[in-house]
Amino acid sequence: MAEIVLDRLRRKFGDAILETASQHGDETAVVERDRLAEIAEFLRDDRELQFDTPIDCTAVDWYQRREPRFDVIYHLYSMRRRHRVRVKVHVPESDPSVVSLTPVWRGMNWHERETWDLYGIRFVGHPNLKRVLMYEEFEGHPLRKDYPIDKRQPLIKMRPVKQVPTQKHPPADMLNEP
């Protein structure tokens, strides 16, 4: 059923769709980095597709195996049409960045922050791109293949906790809003 997604993408964007694959119900489209936002908006707004649910955003590091070094991967789902698609973007090591899709799907906020934190891929235009799993002073990005496993991280002073984040009215700086 989701083969319709790849057909619509190829018809609408032509050469911006670099490659497609369909195996065991998993449809994948590799798209040009410069057209990512436009393609994402089409996937969300097209009446036949209606991708309204971002499932995940992550990265793959192909260190010393391939150039461009990184892939940023998005998994999307349409609740109404009940189909899914994987969208991949090749990202070079010399400029590890892609446009943020948080303006397209608010749910990408956390996923993009996690990908930034662990892989060092910058999401241009993200409303609050800061570490989410590692502490602020952490040096490097631990899921990169060239991250030294024996690296010592800087010691930090204990910080007082302002308030518990699970309270009913957390302070504004603890909210994860765009």
N, C-alpha and C. Protein backbone atom coordinates (compact mmCIF):
# COMPACT_ATOMS: atom_id res chain seq x y z
N MET A 1 0.82 -1.20 0.00
CA MET A 1 0.00 0.00 0.00
C MET A 1 0.86 1.26 0.00
N ALA A 2 1.93 1.24 0.76
CA ALA A 2 2.74 2.45 0.87
C ALA A 2 3.58 2.71 -0.37
N GLU A 3 3.60 1.77 -1.34
CA GLU A 3 4.32 2.02 -2.59
C GLU A 3 3.78 3.28 -3.25
N ILE A 4 2.55 3.63 -2.95
CA ILE A 4 1.97 4.88 -3.46
C ILE A 4 2.79 6.09 -2.99
N VAL A 5 3.35 6.00 -1.82
CA VAL A 5 4.15 7.10 -1.28
C VAL A 5 5.37 7.34 -2.17
N LEU A 6 6.09 6.29 -2.49
CA LEU A 6 7.28 6.44 -3.32
C LEU A 6 6.92 6.92 -4.72
N ASP A 7 5.82 6.42 -5.28
CA ASP A 7 5.38 6.88 -6.60
C ASP A 7 5.06 8.38 -6.59
N ARG A 8 4.34 8.82 -5.56
CA ARG A 8 3.99 10.26 -5.48
C ARG A 8 5.23 11.11 -5.29
N LEU A 9 6.17 10.65 -4.49
CA LEU A 9 7.41 11.41 -4.31
C LEU A 9 8.20 11.51 -5.61
N ARG A 10 8.32 10.41 -6.33
CA ARG A 10 9.06 10.43 -7.60
C ARG A 10 8.39 11.35 -8.61
N ARG A 11 7.06 11.29 -8.69
CA ARG A 11 6.34 12.15 -9.65
C ARG A 11 6.48 13.63 -9.29
N LYS A 12 6.38 13.93 -8.02
CA LYS A 12 6.39 15.34 -7.59
C LYS A 12 7.80 15.94 -7.59
N PHE A 13 8.80 15.18 -7.15
CA PHE A 13 10.13 15.76 -6.93
C PHE A 13 11.22 15.26 -7.88
N GLY A 14 10.93 14.27 -8.68
CA GLY A 14 11.85 13.83 -9.73
C GLY A 14 13.26 13.57 -9.24
N ASP A 15 14.22 14.37 -9.72
CA ASP A 15 15.63 14.17 -9.42
C ASP A 15 16.00 14.40 -7.95
N ALA A 16 15.12 15.07 -7.19
CA ALA A 16 15.40 15.29 -5.76
C ALA A 16 15.25 13.99 -4.97
N ILE A 17 14.61 12.99 -5.56
CA ILE A 17 14.52 11.67 -4.95
C ILE A 17 15.68 10.86 -5.52
N LEU A 18 16.73 10.71 -4.75
CA LEU A 18 17.97 10.11 -5.23
C LEU A 18 17.88 8.60 -5.41
N GLU A 19 17.05 7.99 -4.59
CA GLU A 19 16.96 6.52 -4.63
C GLU A 19 15.72 6.11 -3.84
N THR A 20 15.12 5.00 -4.22
CA THR A 20 14.00 4.45 -3.46
C THR A 20 14.19 2.95 -3.32
N ALA A 21 13.57 2.40 -2.30
CA ALA A 21 13.62 0.96 -2.07
C ALA A 21 12.34 0.54 -1.36
N SER A 22 11.91 -0.67 -1.65
CA SER A 22 10.73 -1.21 -1.01
C SER A 22 10.99 -2.69 -0.74
N GLN A 23 10.98 -3.05 0.53
CA GLN A 23 11.25 -4.44 0.89
C GLN A 23 10.44 -4.79 2.12
N HIS A 24 9.65 -5.85 2.03
CA HIS A 24 8.86 -6.37 3.16
C HIS A 24 7.96 -5.29 3.78
N GLY A 25 7.41 -4.42 2.95
CA GLY A 25 6.52 -3.38 3.45
C GLY A 25 7.22 -2.15 3.99
N ASP A 26 8.53 -2.11 3.92
CA ASP A 26 9.28 -0.94 4.37
C ASP A 26 9.71 -0.13 3.15
N GLU A 27 9.13 1.04 2.99
CA GLU A 27 9.46 1.91 1.87
C GLU A 27 10.46 2.96 2.32
N THR A 28 11.48 3.17 1.49
CA THR A 28 12.54 4.12 1.81
C THR A 28 12.77 5.04 0.63
N ALA A 29 12.92 6.31 0.92
CA ALA A 29 13.29 7.30 -0.09
C ALA A 29 14.51 8.07 0.41
N VAL A 30 15.56 8.10 -0.41
CA VAL A 30 16.73 8.92 -0.13
C VAL A 30 16.53 10.22 -0.89
N VAL A 31 16.57 11.34 -0.17
CA VAL A 31 16.24 12.63 -0.79
C VAL A 31 17.42 13.60 -0.69
N GLU A 32 17.40 14.61 -1.57
CA GLU A 32 18.42 15.65 -1.53
C GLU A 32 18.29 16.46 -0.25
N ARG A 33 19.41 16.77 0.35
CA ARG A 33 19.42 17.52 1.60
C ARG A 33 18.76 18.89 1.44
N ASP A 34 19.01 19.54 0.32
CA ASP A 34 18.49 20.90 0.12
C ASP A 34 16.98 20.94 -0.09
N ARG A 35 16.36 19.82 -0.37
CA ARG A 35 14.91 19.79 -0.62
C ARG A 35 14.14 19.12 0.52
N LEU A 36 14.83 18.79 1.60
CA LEU A 36 14.21 18.03 2.69
C LEU A 36 12.96 18.69 3.25
N ALA A 37 13.02 19.98 3.57
CA ALA A 37 11.86 20.66 4.17
C ALA A 37 10.66 20.66 3.22
N GLU A 38 10.91 20.92 1.96
CA GLU A 38 9.84 20.92 0.96
C GLU A 38 9.20 19.54 0.83
N ILE A 39 10.02 18.51 0.83
CA ILE A 39 9.51 17.14 0.72
C ILE A 39 8.72 16.76 1.98
N ALA A 40 9.22 17.16 3.14
CA ALA A 40 8.52 16.87 4.40
C ALA A 40 7.14 17.55 4.43
N GLU A 41 7.08 18.80 4.00
CA GLU A 41 5.78 19.50 3.97
C GLU A 41 4.81 18.81 3.01
N PHE A 42 5.32 18.35 1.88
CA PHE A 42 4.48 17.61 0.93
C PHE A 42 3.95 16.33 1.57
N LEU A 43 4.82 15.59 2.25
CA LEU A 43 4.40 14.35 2.90
C LEU A 43 3.31 14.62 3.95
N ARG A 44 3.42 15.73 4.64
CA ARG A 44 2.42 16.07 5.67
C ARG A 44 1.11 16.56 5.03
N ASP A 45 1.19 17.41 3.99
CA ASP A 45 0.02 18.13 3.49
C ASP A 45 -0.72 17.43 2.35
N ASP A 46 -0.08 16.54 1.62
CA ASP A 46 -0.73 15.90 0.49
C ASP A 46 -1.92 15.07 0.96
N ARG A 47 -3.06 15.24 0.29
CA ARG A 47 -4.30 14.57 0.72
C ARG A 47 -4.23 13.05 0.61
N GLU A 48 -3.41 12.54 -0.29
CA GLU A 48 -3.30 11.09 -0.45
C GLU A 48 -2.29 10.47 0.52
N LEU A 49 -1.46 11.31 1.12
CA LEU A 49 -0.40 10.79 2.00
C LEU A 49 -0.67 11.08 3.47
N GLN A 50 -0.80 12.34 3.83
CA GLN A 50 -1.15 12.78 5.20
C GLN A 50 -0.27 12.17 6.29
N PHE A 51 1.04 12.33 6.13
CA PHE A 51 1.94 11.84 7.18
C PHE A 51 1.88 12.82 8.36
N ASP A 52 1.12 12.44 9.36
CA ASP A 52 0.86 13.32 10.49
C ASP A 52 1.63 12.93 11.75
N THR A 53 2.33 11.81 11.72
CA THR A 53 2.99 11.32 12.93
C THR A 53 4.47 11.05 12.68
N PRO A 54 5.34 11.88 13.25
CA PRO A 54 6.77 11.56 13.17
C PRO A 54 7.10 10.51 14.21
N ILE A 55 7.66 9.39 13.77
CA ILE A 55 7.97 8.30 14.68
C ILE A 55 9.36 8.47 15.28
N ASP A 56 10.33 8.84 14.43
CA ASP A 56 11.71 8.87 14.90
C ASP A 56 12.57 9.69 13.95
N CYS A 57 13.65 10.19 14.48
CA CYS A 57 14.73 10.79 13.70
C CYS A 57 16.02 10.31 14.35
N THR A 58 16.90 9.76 13.55
CA THR A 58 18.17 9.26 14.07
C THR A 58 19.23 9.44 12.99
N ALA A 59 20.40 8.90 13.24
CA ALA A 59 21.50 9.01 12.26
C ALA A 59 22.27 7.70 12.22
N VAL A 60 23.02 7.54 11.15
CA VAL A 60 23.96 6.43 11.00
C VAL A 60 25.30 7.04 10.64
N ASP A 61 26.35 6.60 11.31
CA ASP A 61 27.71 7.07 11.04
C ASP A 61 28.43 6.01 10.22
N TRP A 62 28.83 6.35 9.00
CA TRP A 62 29.52 5.44 8.09
C TRP A 62 31.02 5.71 8.09
N TYR A 63 31.56 6.10 9.23
CA TYR A 63 32.97 6.48 9.36
C TYR A 63 33.90 5.49 8.66
N GLN A 64 34.72 6.00 7.77
CA GLN A 64 35.72 5.25 7.00
C GLN A 64 35.10 4.14 6.14
N ARG A 65 33.83 4.19 5.88
CA ARG A 65 33.18 3.20 5.03
C ARG A 65 32.58 3.83 3.79
N ARG A 66 32.20 5.12 3.91
CA ARG A 66 31.49 5.75 2.82
C ARG A 66 31.50 7.26 2.97
N GLU A 67 31.44 7.95 1.87
CA GLU A 67 31.19 9.39 1.86
C GLU A 67 29.91 9.62 1.08
N PRO A 68 29.02 10.47 1.51
CA PRO A 68 29.07 11.24 2.74
C PRO A 68 28.98 10.35 3.98
N ARG A 69 29.58 10.86 5.05
CA ARG A 69 29.78 10.04 6.25
C ARG A 69 28.48 9.67 6.96
N PHE A 70 27.52 10.59 7.02
CA PHE A 70 26.32 10.38 7.83
C PHE A 70 25.06 10.22 6.97
N ASP A 71 24.11 9.49 7.51
CA ASP A 71 22.73 9.50 7.03
C ASP A 71 21.88 9.99 8.19
N VAL A 72 20.98 10.92 7.92
CA VAL A 72 19.94 11.26 8.88
C VAL A 72 18.68 10.56 8.39
N ILE A 73 18.01 9.87 9.30
CA ILE A 73 16.90 9.00 8.92
C ILE A 73 15.65 9.39 9.71
N TYR A 74 14.56 9.57 8.97
CA TYR A 74 13.27 9.92 9.56
C TYR A 74 12.30 8.78 9.28
N HIS A 75 11.55 8.39 10.31
CA HIS A 75 10.47 7.41 10.15
C HIS A 75 9.16 8.15 10.38
N LEU A 76 8.27 8.06 9.41
CA LEU A 76 7.00 8.79 9.45
C LEU A 76 5.84 7.83 9.29
N TYR A 77 4.70 8.20 9.87
CA TYR A 77 3.52 7.35 9.80
C TYR A 77 2.29 8.21 9.53
N SER A 78 1.37 7.68 8.73
CA SER A 78 0.09 8.34 8.49
C SER A 78 -0.99 7.58 9.24
N MET A 79 -1.55 8.23 10.23
CA MET A 79 -2.62 7.59 11.02
C MET A 79 -3.86 7.34 10.15
N ARG A 80 -4.19 8.30 9.32
CA ARG A 80 -5.40 8.18 8.51
C ARG A 80 -5.24 7.15 7.40
N ARG A 81 -4.08 7.17 6.71
CA ARG A 81 -3.87 6.28 5.56
C ARG A 81 -3.21 4.95 5.95
N ARG A 82 -2.70 4.90 7.16
CA ARG A 82 -2.07 3.69 7.70
C ARG A 82 -0.90 3.20 6.84
N HIS A 83 -0.06 4.14 6.46
CA HIS A 83 1.18 3.73 5.81
C HIS A 83 2.34 4.48 6.42
N ARG A 84 3.53 3.95 6.17
CA ARG A 84 4.72 4.53 6.77
C ARG A 84 5.80 4.64 5.69
N VAL A 85 6.77 5.49 5.98
CA VAL A 85 7.88 5.67 5.05
C VAL A 85 9.11 6.06 5.85
N ARG A 86 10.25 5.66 5.32
CA ARG A 86 11.54 6.06 5.87
C ARG A 86 12.15 7.03 4.87
N VAL A 87 12.57 8.19 5.37
CA VAL A 87 13.21 9.20 4.53
C VAL A 87 14.64 9.36 5.01
N LYS A 88 15.59 9.22 4.06
CA LYS A 88 17.01 9.34 4.41
C LYS A 88 17.61 10.54 3.69
N VAL A 89 18.57 11.17 4.37
CA VAL A 89 19.31 12.29 3.80
C VAL A 89 20.79 12.03 4.04
N HIS A 90 21.60 12.09 2.98
CA HIS A 90 23.05 11.96 3.13
C HIS A 90 23.62 13.28 3.62
N VAL A 91 24.51 13.21 4.62
CA VAL A 91 25.08 14.41 5.24
C VAL A 91 26.60 14.27 5.29
N PRO A 92 27.33 15.22 4.70
CA PRO A 92 28.79 15.10 4.70
C PRO A 92 29.41 15.49 6.04
N GLU A 93 30.57 14.93 6.31
CA GLU A 93 31.29 15.24 7.55
C GLU A 93 31.72 16.70 7.58
N SER A 94 32.00 17.29 6.42
CA SER A 94 32.46 18.68 6.36
C SER A 94 31.37 19.68 6.74
N ASP A 95 30.12 19.30 6.63
CA ASP A 95 28.99 20.16 7.00
C ASP A 95 27.87 19.29 7.56
N PRO A 96 28.03 18.81 8.80
CA PRO A 96 27.03 17.88 9.36
C PRO A 96 25.78 18.61 9.83
N SER A 97 24.96 19.01 8.86
CA SER A 97 23.75 19.75 9.22
C SER A 97 22.64 19.47 8.21
N VAL A 98 21.40 19.55 8.69
CA VAL A 98 20.21 19.49 7.86
C VAL A 98 19.22 20.49 8.43
N VAL A 99 18.22 20.84 7.64
CA VAL A 99 17.19 21.75 8.11
C VAL A 99 16.34 21.03 9.17
N SER A 100 15.92 21.77 10.17
CA SER A 100 15.06 21.19 11.21
C SER A 100 13.66 20.94 10.65
N LEU A 101 13.09 19.80 11.01
CA LEU A 101 11.71 19.50 10.64
C LEU A 101 10.75 19.74 11.80
N THR A 102 11.23 20.34 12.87
CA THR A 102 10.36 20.69 14.00
C THR A 102 9.25 21.65 13.57
N PRO A 103 9.52 22.62 12.67
CA PRO A 103 8.40 23.46 12.21
C PRO A 103 7.34 22.68 11.42
N VAL A 104 7.71 21.56 10.84
CA VAL A 104 6.76 20.74 10.08
C VAL A 104 5.99 19.83 11.03
N TRP A 105 6.71 19.15 11.91
CA TRP A 105 6.11 18.27 12.93
C TRP A 105 6.71 18.63 14.28
N ARG A 106 5.91 19.17 15.19
CA ARG A 106 6.43 19.54 16.51
C ARG A 106 7.07 18.35 17.22
N GLY A 107 6.60 17.15 16.94
CA GLY A 107 7.11 15.95 17.57
C GLY A 107 8.56 15.64 17.22
N MET A 108 9.12 16.30 16.22
CA MET A 108 10.53 16.08 15.86
C MET A 108 11.48 16.79 16.83
N ASN A 109 10.97 17.67 17.63
CA ASN A 109 11.81 18.47 18.53
C ASN A 109 12.76 17.59 19.34
N TRP A 110 12.22 16.67 20.07
CA TRP A 110 13.03 15.82 20.95
C TRP A 110 13.97 14.94 20.13
N HIS A 111 13.47 14.36 19.04
CA HIS A 111 14.29 13.46 18.23
C HIS A 111 15.50 14.18 17.62
N GLU A 112 15.29 15.40 17.16
CA GLU A 112 16.41 16.16 16.59
C GLU A 112 17.43 16.53 17.67
N ARG A 113 16.95 16.86 18.83
CA ARG A 113 17.88 17.17 19.94
C ARG A 113 18.70 15.94 20.31
N GLU A 114 18.06 14.79 20.34
CA GLU A 114 18.77 13.55 20.67
C GLU A 114 19.82 13.24 19.59
N THR A 115 19.47 13.42 18.32
CA THR A 115 20.41 13.15 17.24
C THR A 115 21.58 14.13 17.28
N TRP A 116 21.31 15.39 17.60
CA TRP A 116 22.38 16.38 17.78
C TRP A 116 23.30 15.95 18.93
N ASP A 117 22.71 15.59 20.03
CA ASP A 117 23.46 15.25 21.23
C ASP A 117 24.38 14.05 20.99
N LEU A 118 23.89 13.01 20.35
CA LEU A 118 24.64 11.76 20.23
C LEU A 118 25.51 11.67 18.98
N TYR A 119 25.12 12.37 17.90
CA TYR A 119 25.87 12.28 16.64
C TYR A 119 26.51 13.61 16.20
N GLY A 120 26.05 14.72 16.75
CA GLY A 120 26.61 16.01 16.36
C GLY A 120 26.08 16.55 15.05
N ILE A 121 24.93 16.07 14.61
CA ILE A 121 24.30 16.61 13.40
C ILE A 121 23.51 17.86 13.83
N ARG A 122 23.82 19.00 13.21
CA ARG A 122 23.10 20.24 13.52
C ARG A 122 21.80 20.32 12.74
N PHE A 123 20.75 20.77 13.39
CA PHE A 123 19.45 20.95 12.75
C PHE A 123 19.19 22.44 12.66
N VAL A 124 19.43 22.97 11.47
CA VAL A 124 19.35 24.41 11.22
C VAL A 124 17.91 24.88 11.38
N GLY A 125 17.71 25.88 12.22
CA GLY A 125 16.39 26.42 12.48
C GLY A 125 15.66 25.76 13.62
N HIS A 126 16.32 24.83 14.31
CA HIS A 126 15.68 24.17 15.46
C HIS A 126 15.48 25.22 16.56
N PRO A 127 14.33 25.24 17.22
CA PRO A 127 14.05 26.29 18.21
C PRO A 127 14.84 26.17 19.52
N ASN A 128 15.41 25.01 19.83
CA ASN A 128 16.07 24.85 21.12
C ASN A 128 17.06 23.69 21.06
N LEU A 129 18.06 23.81 20.17
CA LEU A 129 18.99 22.71 19.96
C LEU A 129 20.03 22.70 21.07
N LYS A 130 19.78 21.88 22.07
CA LYS A 130 20.72 21.72 23.18
C LYS A 130 20.71 20.25 23.59
N ARG A 131 21.69 19.88 24.36
CA ARG A 131 21.81 18.48 24.80
C ARG A 131 20.56 18.06 25.57
N VAL A 132 20.22 16.78 25.37
CA VAL A 132 19.03 16.27 26.02
C VAL A 132 19.33 15.01 26.84
N LEU A 133 20.37 14.25 26.46
CA LEU A 133 20.73 13.05 27.20
C LEU A 133 22.05 13.21 27.96
N MET A 134 23.02 13.87 27.34
CA MET A 134 24.31 14.10 27.99
C MET A 134 24.26 15.44 28.72
N TYR A 135 25.12 15.62 29.69
CA TYR A 135 25.13 16.89 30.42
C TYR A 135 25.81 17.96 29.55
N GLU A 136 25.52 19.22 29.86
CA GLU A 136 25.93 20.34 29.00
C GLU A 136 27.43 20.40 28.74
N GLU A 137 28.23 20.04 29.71
CA GLU A 137 29.69 20.15 29.56
C GLU A 137 30.32 18.94 28.85
N PHE A 138 29.53 17.96 28.49
CA PHE A 138 30.05 16.77 27.83
C PHE A 138 30.74 17.17 26.54
N GLU A 139 31.90 16.61 26.30
CA GLU A 139 32.68 16.94 25.10
C GLU A 139 32.55 15.84 24.07
N GLY A 140 32.12 16.20 22.87
CA GLY A 140 31.98 15.24 21.79
C GLY A 140 30.58 14.69 21.66
N HIS A 141 30.46 13.68 20.81
CA HIS A 141 29.16 13.06 20.53
C HIS A 141 29.38 11.54 20.56
N PRO A 142 28.88 10.88 21.59
CA PRO A 142 29.29 9.51 21.90
C PRO A 142 28.89 8.41 20.91
N LEU A 143 27.96 8.64 19.99
CA LEU A 143 27.62 7.59 19.04
C LEU A 143 28.37 7.71 17.72
N ARG A 144 29.25 8.69 17.62
CA ARG A 144 30.11 8.75 16.44
C ARG A 144 31.13 7.62 16.52
N LYS A 145 31.41 7.01 15.39
CA LYS A 145 32.32 5.86 15.36
C LYS A 145 33.74 6.23 15.77
N ASP A 146 34.13 7.50 15.62
CA ASP A 146 35.49 7.90 15.97
C ASP A 146 35.58 8.48 17.38
N TYR A 147 34.51 8.37 18.16
CA TYR A 147 34.54 8.85 19.54
C TYR A 147 35.43 7.91 20.36
N PRO A 148 36.43 8.44 21.04
CA PRO A 148 37.33 7.56 21.82
C PRO A 148 36.63 6.97 23.04
N ILE A 149 36.59 5.66 23.12
CA ILE A 149 35.85 5.02 24.21
C ILE A 149 36.51 5.22 25.58
N ASP A 150 37.79 5.55 25.59
CA ASP A 150 38.47 5.77 26.87
C ASP A 150 38.61 7.25 27.21
N LYS A 151 37.88 8.11 26.52
CA LYS A 151 37.95 9.56 26.75
C LYS A 151 37.44 9.90 28.14
N ARG A 152 38.18 10.76 28.81
CA ARG A 152 37.75 11.25 30.13
C ARG A 152 37.00 12.55 29.94
N GLN A 153 35.87 12.65 30.58
CA GLN A 153 35.06 13.85 30.48
C GLN A 153 35.39 14.81 31.62
N PRO A 154 35.21 16.11 31.39
CA PRO A 154 35.52 17.08 32.45
C PRO A 154 34.62 16.88 33.67
N LEU A 155 35.21 17.07 34.84
CA LEU A 155 34.42 17.01 36.07
C LEU A 155 33.64 18.30 36.20
N ILE A 156 32.45 18.19 36.71
CA ILE A 156 31.62 19.37 36.89
C ILE A 156 31.21 19.48 38.34
N LYS A 157 30.94 20.70 38.75
CA LYS A 157 30.48 20.91 40.12
C LYS A 157 29.02 20.51 40.23
N MET A 158 28.65 20.07 41.41
CA MET A 158 27.25 19.75 41.65
C MET A 158 26.42 21.02 41.51
N ARG A 159 25.29 20.90 40.87
CA ARG A 159 24.40 22.04 40.68
C ARG A 159 23.18 21.84 41.56
N PRO A 160 22.72 22.91 42.17
CA PRO A 160 21.48 22.77 42.94
C PRO A 160 20.30 22.55 41.99
N VAL A 161 19.38 21.70 42.39
CA VAL A 161 18.18 21.46 41.62
C VAL A 161 17.17 22.52 41.98
N LYS A 162 16.67 23.22 40.97
CA LYS A 162 15.70 24.28 41.21
C LYS A 162 14.39 23.71 41.74
N GLN A 163 13.79 22.83 40.92
CA GLN A 163 12.54 22.19 41.30
C GLN A 163 12.49 20.85 40.57
N VAL A 164 11.65 19.99 41.05
CA VAL A 164 11.49 18.69 40.40
C VAL A 164 10.71 18.89 39.10
N PRO A 165 11.25 18.41 37.96
CA PRO A 165 10.59 18.66 36.68
C PRO A 165 9.22 18.03 36.52
N THR A 166 8.85 17.09 37.39
CA THR A 166 7.54 16.44 37.26
C THR A 166 6.44 17.20 38.00
N GLN A 167 6.78 18.35 38.54
CA GLN A 167 5.76 19.11 39.26
C GLN A 167 4.71 19.65 38.30
N LYS A 168 3.60 20.15 38.83
CA LYS A 168 2.50 20.62 37.99
C LYS A 168 2.85 21.86 37.19
N HIS A 169 3.67 22.75 37.73
CA HIS A 169 4.01 24.00 37.04
C HIS A 169 5.52 24.18 37.01
N PRO A 170 6.21 23.47 36.10
CA PRO A 170 7.68 23.59 36.05
C PRO A 170 8.10 24.96 35.54
N PRO A 171 9.29 25.41 35.91
CA PRO A 171 9.78 26.69 35.42
C PRO A 171 9.97 26.65 33.90
N ALA A 172 9.90 27.81 33.27
CA ALA A 172 9.96 27.89 31.81
C ALA A 172 11.22 27.28 31.23
N ASP A 173 12.36 27.41 31.91
CA ASP A 173 13.61 26.88 31.36
C ASP A 173 13.68 25.35 31.40
N MET A 174 12.71 24.70 32.05
CA MET A 174 12.68 23.24 32.08
C MET A 174 11.71 22.67 31.06
N LEU A 175 10.94 23.52 30.39
CA LEU A 175 9.97 23.04 29.42
C LEU A 175 10.66 22.73 28.10
N ASN A 176 10.19 21.73 27.43
CA ASN A 176 10.74 21.33 26.12
C ASN A 176 9.75 21.79 25.04
N GLU A 177 9.66 23.10 24.87
CA GLU A 177 8.75 23.64 23.87
C GLU A 177 9.55 24.42 22.85
N PRO A 178 9.07 24.40 21.59
CA PRO A 178 9.77 25.19 20.57
C PRO A 178 9.59 26.67 20.77
